[in-house]
């Protein structure tokens, strides 16, 4: 395998950028779908898989930098375990920390000034992911001396899967100075998996925006919907309306926060 196809696509993206002035909010590497990652990437027990994942992240960081991306996200869907009976948790966490430190080193080597982000999720596809929630991830960063190098990308659907509200996760990140980006989506409260739906609850959007305002914004991070239409929605018009609904909801949430400040002189209490 080579990066030839990726290089060709990246050059096309660069050309389109020159015509639109649009650049990536962040880049990432896909380290969970291929069968080689069935037991993890940075936490794989097979050194060749670990090295392959490292090469992918190296290239993805370079591409993100080349395209002017402002952040880089790590989401480790396989960085966890199915059972502790055959898992050396201490060793896997150390391997994960070494992997992330190597990414920090390469970021600095190539002159990428963007923020490195970790996106917590409790489970799915693994039974237990090591970055279960914001508090767990922050503890991991503290233990391995990485707190100054990483911030958190909070996904609202992942927050509820971990048993928290999105507001709770945002506040946990904010008060620890690690809030970097938000995946502004939502899940179905009647199912126990990641449905990645567009956020259209104005009350929820208001709470989210209260954290953003108290954080003095998210820059260089931002908002990513990380949402899709349901399988039943295949019409182009549906796709258009869904994105507008998501944007309008977040805008209304921000207006509500501004109104609260205007009326009370303060934001929602922490």
Protein backbone atom coordinates (compact mmCIF):
# COMPACT_ATOMS: atom_id res chain seq x y z
CA UNK A 1 0.00 0.00 0.00
CA UNK A 2 1.07 3.56 -0.71
CA UNK A 3 -0.32 7.06 -0.25
CA UNK A 4 -0.49 7.67 -4.01
CA UNK A 5 -4.30 7.84 -4.21
CA UNK A 6 -4.50 10.05 -1.13
CA UNK A 7 -1.85 12.39 -2.51
CA UNK A 8 -3.85 12.79 -5.72
CA UNK A 9 -7.05 13.58 -3.80
CA UNK A 10 -5.24 16.04 -1.54
CA UNK A 11 -3.92 17.95 -4.54
CA UNK A 12 -7.46 18.21 -5.89
CA UNK A 13 -8.65 19.47 -2.50
CA UNK A 14 -5.85 22.05 -2.51
CA UNK A 15 -6.94 23.24 -5.95
CA UNK A 16 -10.57 23.55 -4.85
CA UNK A 17 -9.45 25.45 -1.76
CA UNK A 18 -7.83 28.10 -3.92
CA UNK A 19 -11.21 28.62 -5.60
CA UNK A 20 -13.37 28.67 -2.47
CA UNK A 21 -11.11 29.83 0.38
CA UNK A 22 -12.52 26.97 2.51
CA UNK A 23 -10.16 25.05 4.78
CA UNK A 24 -10.63 22.10 7.15
CA UNK A 25 -11.66 22.69 10.75
CA UNK A 26 -9.73 19.52 11.53
CA UNK A 27 -8.25 16.37 10.08
CA UNK A 28 -8.17 12.81 11.39
CA UNK A 29 -7.16 9.25 10.52
CA UNK A 30 -9.53 6.29 10.19
CA UNK A 31 -8.16 3.74 12.65
CA UNK A 32 -11.12 1.49 13.42
CA UNK A 33 -12.94 0.03 10.40
CA UNK A 34 -10.23 -2.09 8.77
CA UNK A 35 -9.94 -5.63 10.18
CA UNK A 36 -6.31 -4.96 11.11
CA UNK A 37 -7.65 -2.71 13.87
CA UNK A 38 -10.00 -5.26 15.40
CA UNK A 39 -8.00 -5.14 18.64
CA UNK A 40 -7.08 -1.48 18.49
CA UNK A 41 -4.59 0.76 16.72
CA UNK A 42 -2.49 2.55 19.33
CA UNK A 43 -3.46 -0.21 21.78
CA UNK A 44 -3.08 -3.15 19.42
CA UNK A 45 -1.08 -6.10 20.80
CA UNK A 46 0.51 -6.50 17.34
CA UNK A 47 3.48 -4.19 16.77
CA UNK A 48 3.01 -4.13 12.98
CA UNK A 49 -0.54 -2.83 13.42
CA UNK A 50 0.71 -0.20 15.87
CA UNK A 51 3.33 0.91 13.34
CA UNK A 52 0.78 1.00 10.51
CA UNK A 53 -1.51 3.20 12.60
CA UNK A 54 1.40 5.50 13.43
CA UNK A 55 2.17 5.86 9.72
CA UNK A 56 -1.46 6.73 9.02
CA UNK A 57 -1.50 9.43 11.69
CA UNK A 58 1.83 10.80 10.47
CA UNK A 59 0.44 11.19 6.96
CA UNK A 60 -2.90 12.57 8.17
CA UNK A 61 -1.13 15.20 10.27
CA UNK A 62 0.95 16.23 7.27
CA UNK A 63 -2.13 16.46 5.04
CA UNK A 64 -4.04 18.45 7.64
CA UNK A 65 -1.12 20.87 7.89
CA UNK A 66 -0.80 21.13 4.09
CA UNK A 67 -4.49 21.96 3.69
CA UNK A 68 -4.43 24.57 6.45
CA UNK A 69 -6.42 22.57 8.98
CA UNK A 70 -6.73 24.20 12.39
CA UNK A 71 -7.04 21.06 14.54
CA UNK A 72 -6.42 17.32 14.47
CA UNK A 73 -8.79 14.83 16.14
CA UNK A 74 -8.07 11.43 17.68
CA UNK A 75 -11.12 9.21 18.01
CA UNK A 76 -10.13 5.73 19.10
CA UNK A 77 -13.11 3.51 18.47
CA UNK A 78 -11.02 0.39 19.04
CA UNK A 79 -8.78 1.76 21.80
CA UNK A 80 -10.27 -0.27 24.60
CA UNK A 81 -11.21 -3.85 25.31
CA UNK A 82 -13.94 -6.48 25.02
CA UNK A 83 -12.82 -8.36 28.14
CA UNK A 84 -10.18 -7.78 30.80
CA UNK A 85 -9.42 -11.50 30.93
CA UNK A 86 -6.97 -11.17 28.03
CA UNK A 87 -6.13 -7.45 28.36
CA UNK A 88 -3.07 -5.88 29.98
CA UNK A 89 -4.71 -2.51 30.63
CA UNK A 90 -1.63 -0.85 32.10
CA UNK A 91 0.48 -1.78 29.10
CA UNK A 92 -2.16 -0.70 26.60
CA UNK A 93 -2.58 2.70 28.26
CA UNK A 94 1.19 3.19 28.19
CA UNK A 95 1.26 2.29 24.49
CA UNK A 96 -1.56 4.76 23.84
CA UNK A 97 0.31 7.51 25.69
CA UNK A 98 3.50 6.80 23.72
CA UNK A 99 1.51 6.91 20.48
CA UNK A 100 0.02 10.29 21.35
CA UNK A 101 3.40 11.65 22.44
CA UNK A 102 4.84 10.60 19.09
CA UNK A 103 2.05 12.55 17.38
CA UNK A 104 2.92 15.60 19.47
CA UNK A 105 6.56 15.26 18.46
CA UNK A 106 5.71 14.98 14.76
CA UNK A 107 3.30 17.91 14.94
CA UNK A 108 6.11 20.10 16.23
CA UNK A 109 8.60 18.69 13.73
CA UNK A 110 6.48 19.67 10.71
CA UNK A 111 5.49 23.05 12.18
CA UNK A 112 1.79 22.30 12.57
CA UNK A 113 0.39 24.84 15.03
CA UNK A 114 -3.12 23.39 15.22
CA UNK A 115 -4.67 21.92 18.36
CA UNK A 116 -4.59 18.18 18.97
CA UNK A 117 -8.00 16.97 20.14
CA UNK A 118 -9.24 13.76 21.74
CA UNK A 119 -12.89 12.82 21.29
CA UNK A 120 -14.17 10.74 24.23
CA UNK A 121 -16.70 7.94 23.79
CA UNK A 122 -17.59 5.25 26.33
CA UNK A 123 -18.10 2.26 24.05
CA UNK A 124 -19.13 1.08 20.59
CA UNK A 125 -17.55 -0.64 18.84
CA UNK A 126 -15.55 -1.84 21.87
CA UNK A 127 -17.19 -2.81 25.15
CA UNK A 128 -15.10 -0.20 26.98
CA UNK A 129 -13.05 2.62 25.49
CA UNK A 130 -10.17 4.09 27.45
CA UNK A 131 -11.40 7.65 26.78
CA UNK A 132 -14.81 6.91 28.35
CA UNK A 133 -15.69 10.54 29.08
CA UNK A 134 -14.04 13.93 29.58
CA UNK A 135 -13.05 13.26 33.20
CA UNK A 136 -11.48 9.90 32.34
CA UNK A 137 -9.61 11.41 29.41
CA UNK A 138 -8.36 14.32 31.51
CA UNK A 139 -7.10 11.89 34.14
CA UNK A 140 -5.24 9.97 31.42
CA UNK A 141 -3.66 13.17 30.09
CA UNK A 142 -2.58 14.17 33.59
CA UNK A 143 -1.08 10.76 34.35
CA UNK A 144 1.08 10.77 31.23
CA UNK A 145 2.04 14.45 31.20
CA UNK A 146 0.02 15.35 28.11
CA UNK A 147 -2.34 18.00 29.50
CA UNK A 148 -0.56 20.86 27.78
CA UNK A 149 -0.66 19.16 24.40
CA UNK A 150 -4.28 18.06 23.98
CA UNK A 151 -7.78 19.46 24.31
CA UNK A 152 -11.15 17.75 24.08
CA UNK A 153 -13.62 17.46 21.23
CA UNK A 154 -16.94 16.91 23.02
CA UNK A 155 -19.58 15.04 21.03
CA UNK A 156 -23.04 15.45 22.51
CA UNK A 157 -24.21 11.97 21.49
CA UNK A 158 -21.13 10.42 23.10
CA UNK A 159 -21.84 12.41 26.26
CA UNK A 160 -25.26 10.87 26.70
CA UNK A 161 -23.92 7.40 25.96
CA UNK A 162 -21.50 7.84 28.88
CA UNK A 163 -24.37 8.72 31.20
CA UNK A 164 -23.82 12.48 31.17
CA UNK A 165 -25.50 15.44 29.57
CA UNK A 166 -23.62 17.29 26.85
CA UNK A 167 -23.62 20.33 29.14
CA UNK A 168 -21.92 18.30 31.88
CA UNK A 169 -19.15 17.17 29.54
CA UNK A 170 -18.64 20.68 28.19
CA UNK A 171 -18.42 22.14 31.68
CA UNK A 172 -16.01 19.41 32.81
CA UNK A 173 -13.76 20.27 29.86
CA UNK A 174 -14.18 24.02 30.29
CA UNK A 175 -13.31 24.24 33.99
CA UNK A 176 -10.18 22.19 33.30
CA UNK A 177 -9.15 24.42 30.37
CA UNK A 178 -9.34 21.63 27.81
CA UNK A 179 -12.50 22.47 25.83
CA UNK A 180 -11.41 22.66 22.21
CA UNK A 181 -14.21 21.67 19.84
CA UNK A 182 -17.82 20.47 19.78
CA UNK A 183 -19.59 17.85 17.70
CA UNK A 184 -23.05 19.41 17.98
CA UNK A 185 -25.29 16.43 17.44
CA UNK A 186 -27.74 14.36 19.45
CA UNK A 187 -28.84 10.76 19.90
CA UNK A 188 -32.09 8.87 20.24
CA UNK A 189 -32.90 8.52 23.98
CA UNK A 190 -34.65 5.23 23.31
CA UNK A 191 -31.60 3.43 21.94
CA UNK A 192 -28.21 2.73 23.45
CA UNK A 193 -25.97 3.47 20.52
CA UNK A 194 -24.57 6.38 18.52
CA UNK A 195 -27.25 7.65 16.11
CA UNK A 196 -25.56 10.99 15.25
CA UNK A 197 -28.67 13.04 14.57
CA UNK A 198 -28.84 16.78 13.95
CA UNK A 199 -29.36 18.78 17.13
CA UNK A 200 -32.73 20.57 16.98
CA UNK A 201 -33.47 20.98 20.71
CA UNK A 202 -33.24 24.71 21.46
CA UNK A 203 -32.99 24.17 25.23
CA UNK A 204 -30.00 21.87 24.74
CA UNK A 205 -28.44 24.33 22.30
CA UNK A 206 -28.80 27.11 24.89
CA UNK A 207 -26.94 25.08 27.51
CA UNK A 208 -24.22 24.23 25.01
CA UNK A 209 -23.80 27.86 24.01
CA UNK A 210 -23.64 28.94 27.64
CA UNK A 211 -20.50 26.81 28.02
CA UNK A 212 -19.04 28.23 24.82
CA UNK A 213 -19.61 31.82 25.93
CA UNK A 214 -18.15 31.14 29.38
CA UNK A 215 -15.17 29.59 27.61
CA UNK A 216 -14.69 32.80 25.58
CA UNK A 217 -15.32 30.82 22.42
CA UNK A 218 -13.73 27.73 20.92
CA UNK A 219 -11.12 29.10 18.49
CA UNK A 220 -9.20 27.61 16.86
CA UNK A 221 -11.82 24.90 17.37
CA UNK A 222 -15.41 25.21 16.28
CA UNK A 223 -18.64 23.34 15.68
CA UNK A 224 -18.93 20.18 13.64
CA UNK A 225 -22.34 18.58 13.21
CA UNK A 226 -21.07 14.98 12.93
CA UNK A 227 -24.63 14.16 11.97
CA UNK A 228 -26.37 12.42 9.14
CA UNK A 229 -29.83 11.94 7.79
CA UNK A 230 -31.76 8.88 8.81
CA UNK A 231 -31.65 5.93 6.42
CA UNK A 232 -35.18 6.84 5.39
CA UNK A 233 -34.11 10.33 4.26
CA UNK A 234 -32.40 10.21 0.88
CA UNK A 235 -33.69 13.37 -0.77
CA UNK A 236 -31.24 16.21 -1.43
CA UNK A 237 -33.80 18.66 -0.01
CA UNK A 238 -33.79 16.72 3.28
CA UNK A 239 -30.03 17.08 3.51
CA UNK A 240 -30.26 20.83 2.93
CA UNK A 241 -33.05 21.35 5.47
CA UNK A 242 -31.29 19.21 8.09
CA UNK A 243 -28.12 21.32 7.97
CA UNK A 244 -30.07 24.58 8.08
CA UNK A 245 -32.07 23.28 11.05
CA UNK A 246 -28.87 22.42 12.88
CA UNK A 247 -27.36 25.85 12.24
CA UNK A 248 -30.55 27.68 13.16
CA UNK A 249 -30.82 25.73 16.42
CA UNK A 250 -27.29 26.63 17.49
CA UNK A 251 -27.87 30.26 16.51
CA UNK A 252 -31.06 30.38 18.58
CA UNK A 253 -29.18 28.90 21.52
CA UNK A 254 -26.59 31.68 21.28
CA UNK A 255 -29.30 34.33 21.07
CA UNK A 256 -30.90 32.89 24.20
CA UNK A 257 -27.60 33.13 26.09
CA UNK A 258 -27.20 36.74 24.95
CA UNK A 259 -30.72 37.46 26.20
CA UNK A 260 -29.96 35.87 29.58
CA UNK A 261 -26.90 38.08 29.94
CA UNK A 262 -28.91 41.14 28.93
CA UNK A 263 -31.71 40.43 31.42
CA UNK A 264 -29.78 39.00 34.37
CA UNK A 265 -26.27 40.32 33.81
CA UNK A 266 -24.96 36.78 34.04
CA UNK A 267 -25.00 33.42 32.28
CA UNK A 268 -26.54 30.22 33.55
CA UNK A 269 -24.84 29.27 36.81
CA UNK A 270 -22.15 26.61 36.63
